[in-house]
Amino acid sequence: PVSSKADIYTESHSDRLRRTANRQLLIVRTLVGEAFRTRASMPQASKPPDAEDGIPFDSVVAEAGSCVDHVEVMLCEKNQGLPVVLVTYKHKDCCNCAECTKRPS
């Protein structure tokens, strides 16, 4: 699990949070089901594609190192996720991760 991916979604790009600002990450138990795996971008997709039998896949998994830097799982139904815990975290003042280098001190 990589929280730096979550950091991208914690704010507006026009109003960046300080490096040491508190952020929250929701840990969720998910039912991925039969996943469609892809290495290609699918910007127009609003649901998983259909399998060979005509039944839609349950989710989409984008492989790391392809169109995304980290594995991404897209769920399309509300009942596929169950929130388990809310984690509050912040980066250290001396953090030099990819996201912190883009933020004000």
C-alpha atoms as a PDB file:
ATOM      1  CA  PRO A   1       0.000   0.000   0.000  1.00  0.00           C
ATOM      2  CA  VAL A   2       1.248   3.443  -0.927  1.00  0.00           C
ATOM      3  CA  SER A   3      -0.241   6.457   0.830  1.00  0.00           C
ATOM      4  CA  SER A   4       1.450   8.869  -1.586  1.00  0.00           C
ATOM      5  CA  LYS A   5      -1.230   7.903  -4.119  1.00  0.00           C
ATOM      6  CA  ALA A   6      -3.873   9.007  -1.604  1.00  0.00           C
ATOM      7  CA  ASP A   7      -2.015  12.307  -1.073  1.00  0.00           C
ATOM      8  CA  ILE A   8      -2.875  13.313  -4.630  1.00  0.00           C
ATOM      9  CA  TYR A   9      -6.585  13.298  -3.752  1.00  0.00           C
ATOM     10  CA  THR A  10      -6.424  15.160  -0.407  1.00  0.00           C
ATOM     11  CA  GLU A  11      -6.660  18.666  -1.829  1.00  0.00           C
ATOM     12  CA  SER A  12      -7.207  20.927  -4.779  1.00  0.00           C
ATOM     13  CA  HIS A  13      -4.124  21.385  -6.988  1.00  0.00           C
ATOM     14  CA  SER A  14      -4.657  25.141  -6.846  1.00  0.00           C
ATOM     15  CA  ASP A  15      -4.585  25.174  -3.027  1.00  0.00           C
ATOM     16  CA  ARG A  16      -1.817  22.778  -1.918  1.00  0.00           C
ATOM     17  CA  LEU A  17      -1.612  21.739   1.740  1.00  0.00           C
ATOM     18  CA  ARG A  18       1.616  22.107   3.723  1.00  0.00           C
ATOM     19  CA  ARG A  19       3.824  19.013   3.834  1.00  0.00           C
ATOM     20  CA  THR A  20       3.024  18.435   7.508  1.00  0.00           C
ATOM     21  CA  ALA A  21      -0.742  18.958   7.222  1.00  0.00           C
ATOM     22  CA  ASN A  22      -2.924  16.172   8.565  1.00  0.00           C
ATOM     23  CA  ARG A  23      -4.384  13.915   5.885  1.00  0.00           C
ATOM     24  CA  GLN A  24      -6.793  11.030   6.138  1.00  0.00           C
ATOM     25  CA  LEU A  25      -6.800   7.657   4.421  1.00  0.00           C
ATOM     26  CA  LEU A  26      -9.770   5.317   4.540  1.00  0.00           C
ATOM     27  CA  ILE A  27      -8.862   1.619   4.738  1.00  0.00           C
ATOM     28  CA  VAL A  28     -11.606  -0.371   3.023  1.00  0.00           C
ATOM     29  CA  ARG A  29     -12.281  -4.093   2.689  1.00  0.00           C
ATOM     30  CA  THR A  30     -13.220  -4.651  -0.910  1.00  0.00           C
ATOM     31  CA  LEU A  31     -14.849  -7.323  -3.024  1.00  0.00           C
ATOM     32  CA  VAL A  32     -12.968  -7.134  -6.294  1.00  0.00           C
ATOM     33  CA  GLY A  33     -14.711 -10.189  -7.756  1.00  0.00           C
ATOM     34  CA  GLU A  34     -13.741 -11.091 -11.293  1.00  0.00           C
ATOM     35  CA  ALA A  35     -11.489  -8.221 -12.326  1.00  0.00           C
ATOM     36  CA  PHE A  36     -10.692  -6.931 -15.787  1.00  0.00           C
ATOM     37  CA  ARG A  37      -6.930  -6.333 -15.792  1.00  0.00           C
ATOM     38  CA  THR A  38      -5.529  -3.621 -18.020  1.00  0.00           C
ATOM     39  CA  ARG A  39      -2.302  -1.858 -18.840  1.00  0.00           C
ATOM     40  CA  ALA A  40      -4.073   0.697 -21.059  1.00  0.00           C
ATOM     41  CA  SER A  41      -5.810   3.910 -20.074  1.00  0.00           C
ATOM     42  CA  MET A  42      -9.636   3.748 -20.155  1.00  0.00           C
ATOM     43  CA  PRO A  43     -10.692   7.420 -19.761  1.00  0.00           C
ATOM     44  CA  GLN A  44     -14.180   6.933 -21.249  1.00  0.00           C
ATOM     45  CA  ALA A  45     -15.066   3.844 -19.164  1.00  0.00           C
ATOM     46  CA  SER A  46     -17.945   4.265 -16.722  1.00  0.00           C
ATOM     47  CA  LYS A  47     -18.158   0.562 -15.842  1.00  0.00           C
ATOM     48  CA  PRO A  48     -16.060  -2.562 -16.339  1.00  0.00           C
ATOM     49  CA  PRO A  49     -16.204  -4.109 -19.820  1.00  0.00           C
ATOM     50  CA  ASP A  50     -18.083  -7.303 -20.545  1.00  0.00           C
ATOM     51  CA  ALA A  51     -16.295 -10.655 -20.313  1.00  0.00           C
ATOM     52  CA  GLU A  52     -16.392 -13.133 -23.200  1.00  0.00           C
ATOM     53  CA  ASP A  53     -19.655 -14.570 -21.845  1.00  0.00           C
ATOM     54  CA  GLY A  54     -21.324 -11.138 -22.093  1.00  0.00           C
ATOM     55  CA  ILE A  55     -21.458 -10.644 -18.315  1.00  0.00           C
ATOM     56  CA  PRO A  56     -19.643  -7.507 -17.112  1.00  0.00           C
ATOM     57  CA  PHE A  57     -16.518  -7.869 -14.993  1.00  0.00           C
ATOM     58  CA  ASP A  58     -16.961  -6.837 -11.345  1.00  0.00           C
ATOM     59  CA  SER A  59     -14.071  -4.353 -11.256  1.00  0.00           C
ATOM     60  CA  VAL A  60     -11.076  -3.034 -13.180  1.00  0.00           C
ATOM     61  CA  VAL A  61      -7.444  -3.385 -12.064  1.00  0.00           C
ATOM     62  CA  ALA A  62      -4.873  -1.101 -13.675  1.00  0.00           C
ATOM     63  CA  GLU A  63      -1.418  -2.673 -13.488  1.00  0.00           C
ATOM     64  CA  ALA A  64       1.459  -0.682 -11.957  1.00  0.00           C
ATOM     65  CA  GLY A  65       4.054   0.591 -14.376  1.00  0.00           C
ATOM     66  CA  SER A  66       1.597   0.890 -17.243  1.00  0.00           C
ATOM     67  CA  CYS A  67      -0.868   3.767 -17.466  1.00  0.00           C
ATOM     68  CA  VAL A  68      -0.544   4.265 -13.659  1.00  0.00           C
ATOM     69  CA  ASP A  69       2.424   4.402 -11.259  1.00  0.00           C
ATOM     70  CA  HIS A  70       0.759   2.239  -8.600  1.00  0.00           C
ATOM     71  CA  VAL A  71      -1.852  -0.517  -8.844  1.00  0.00           C
ATOM     72  CA  GLU A  72      -5.343   0.987  -9.023  1.00  0.00           C
ATOM     73  CA  VAL A  73      -8.577  -0.894  -8.437  1.00  0.00           C
ATOM     74  CA  MET A  74     -11.839   0.619  -9.676  1.00  0.00           C
ATOM     75  CA  LEU A  75     -15.024  -0.565  -8.010  1.00  0.00           C
ATOM     76  CA  CYS A  76     -18.347   0.289  -9.583  1.00  0.00           C
ATOM     77  CA  GLU A  77     -20.927  -0.751  -6.993  1.00  0.00           C
ATOM     78  CA  LYS A  78     -21.379   0.785  -3.536  1.00  0.00           C
ATOM     79  CA  ASN A  79     -21.700  -2.630  -1.910  1.00  0.00           C
ATOM     80  CA  GLN A  80     -18.206  -3.673  -3.067  1.00  0.00           C
ATOM     81  CA  GLY A  81     -16.498  -1.713  -0.281  1.00  0.00           C
ATOM     82  CA  LEU A  82     -16.768  -1.749   3.506  1.00  0.00           C
ATOM     83  CA  PRO A  83     -14.923   1.006   5.414  1.00  0.00           C
ATOM     84  CA  VAL A  84     -12.816  -0.528   8.187  1.00  0.00           C
ATOM     85  CA  VAL A  85     -10.710   2.259   9.668  1.00  0.00           C
ATOM     86  CA  LEU A  86      -9.899   5.931   9.083  1.00  0.00           C
ATOM     87  CA  VAL A  87      -6.168   6.666   9.401  1.00  0.00           C
ATOM     88  CA  THR A  88      -4.987  10.216  10.076  1.00  0.00           C
ATOM     89  CA  TYR A  89      -1.377  10.791   9.051  1.00  0.00           C
ATOM     90  CA  LYS A  90       1.097  13.491   8.098  1.00  0.00           C
ATOM     91  CA  HIS A  91       4.505  13.614   6.485  1.00  0.00           C
ATOM     92  CA  LYS A  92       7.569  14.580   8.472  1.00  0.00           C
ATOM     93  CA  ASP A  93       8.997  18.039   7.878  1.00  0.00           C
ATOM     94  CA  CYS A  94      12.099  16.443   6.323  1.00  0.00           C
ATOM     95  CA  CYS A  95      10.125  14.150   3.967  1.00  0.00           C
ATOM     96  CA  ASN A  96      11.376  14.183   0.375  1.00  0.00           C
ATOM     97  CA  CYS A  97       8.812  11.899  -1.256  1.00  0.00           C
ATOM     98  CA  ALA A  98       7.537  12.787  -4.735  1.00  0.00           C
ATOM     99  CA  GLU A  99       4.436  14.518  -3.363  1.00  0.00           C
ATOM    100  CA  CYS A 100       6.225  16.532  -0.643  1.00  0.00           C
ATOM    101  CA  THR A 101       8.642  18.013  -3.154  1.00  0.00           C
ATOM    102  CA  LYS A 102       5.619  19.627  -4.876  1.00  0.00           C
ATOM    103  CA  ARG A 103       4.239  21.200  -1.667  1.00  0.00           C
ATOM    104  CA  PRO A 104       5.021  24.282   0.373  1.00  0.00           C
ATOM    105  CA  SER A 105       6.995  23.653   3.577  1.00  0.00           C
END
